[in-house]
Amino acid sequence: MTNEMTSSSQKIWTKDFFSISFVHFIVFVIFYTLLTTLPLYVVNDLKGTEAQGGLIVTSMLLAAILIRPFSGNLLESAGKEKVLKGSVLLFTITTFGYMWVEGFTALILLRFIHGLSFGIATTATAAIAADALPAKRRGEGLGYFTMAMNLAVVAGPFIGLTLIQFVSFYHLFIILIIFMIIGVICTFFINVPETEKTKESLQKRKLSLDSLFEFRAMPISLISSLVAFAYAGIVSFISVYASNIGLGHMSNYFFLVFAVTMLAFRPFLGRLFDQLGPKIVILPCLFLFSCGLIVLSIAESGLLFLLSAALIGVGYGTILPCVLSLAVQYAPDTRNGHATATFFTLYDLGIAVGSYILGIVVSMTGFSHMFVYSSILVVITAAGFYFLLNRSEAKEKVGLHYEKADNR
């Protein structure tokens, strides 16, 4: 009987975890669908410029980065369930707004509000997912959870770019609204047990750096920011790079191979992370990510191009959930909302800054050199992670030593 209860308590795929992962997936599908189609909408329907199309993308990401530090405090003060339902509902309403926007200025404002709701909603879903998982299987579980985001990277652009070949943008927005209504309904099937608020947490509701960030999760979140910086070169320039090397017809397959290899290896590597610890999984995955960038820099054939996608899919695709799991692990349960907010703030910042700086690097040195420099950054990040983990393990040993001494 005890074994059955233990087995039940260690389950990952509960109703709550499945529902929150599905909501997370839908939100990111909408995000990536609009990310790839709205620049076309600006240029073709609103008769704007390519620069304005790019600003549409930047405005939403900027809003998400600005709101994330406040999201953790909001989750703690208002409650995760209320914040989840409210932010997903606001995300749905702003998706509705695209049907009536007729000018560029109004669209920028709508995108900014959409970004605010996106930043809060995705912080809430990550915090609730961490709560729904058993501590001993959190690495594996968050691997499945963040897989929803990675799959949305493939599904969103595919859905958007396919649909606009057959329907108008107006009808595309209607389809996205239907998706989001399903997402809103799903939030009512999620049981969110609120964490008991400590006296310390109640005192820290006043606006301060500590109320915005979880500093215990900051070092590992900086690791995620550097990894995101290197990955930004792929997200921003892979299609242009593929065209430049005569493989434009294969650019769509890059993320397909990325997704397949990620799906194939992540469950196994997630379990390995929980059983053997972060060092055994994250360091080899950083090495694979770095190798993938090197292969990409010298890709002159479709085989090398897709091989790089496979290496990056296993490497980068595994790093994100593992590092997120560590960020949550380093913070107390009452602060996991702040931990996820800190993590995603620095992750988004890495993508945003990386896209800009690597764009300058490309204009000065070319794509191949940019990927090589990104690979070097990943190696430096691996060294930083190794140092960080060793320091953390040393502190734990010192703590255990003093604990044993006190017991004597």
Foldseek 3Di string as FASTA:
>chain_A
DVVVVVVVQQDQPDLQLVLLLLLLLLLLLQLLLCLQCVLVCCCPVLVHDNVLSVLLNVLLLVLLLVQLLLLLLCCLPVNLLVLQLVLLVQLLVLLVVVLPDRHSVVSSVSSSSNSNSSNNNNLSSLLQSQVSHDLLLQLLSLLVSCLSNLVSNLNNNVVNVVVVVPDPVNVVSVVSSVSSVVSSVSSVSHDRDTDDDDPVSVVPSPDDSVSRAPVLLQLLLLLLLLLLLLCLLCVQCVLVVCVVLPNNVCSSVLSVLLSVLLVVCSNVLSNVCSPPHDLVRQLVLLVLLLVLLLLCLPDNDPVSSNSSSNSNSRRVSSNVSSSLSVLQVSDPSSRSSNSSSSNVSSNSVSSVVSNVVLVVVCVVPNSSVSSNVSSVSSVVSSVSVVVVVVVVVVVVVVVVVVVVVVVD
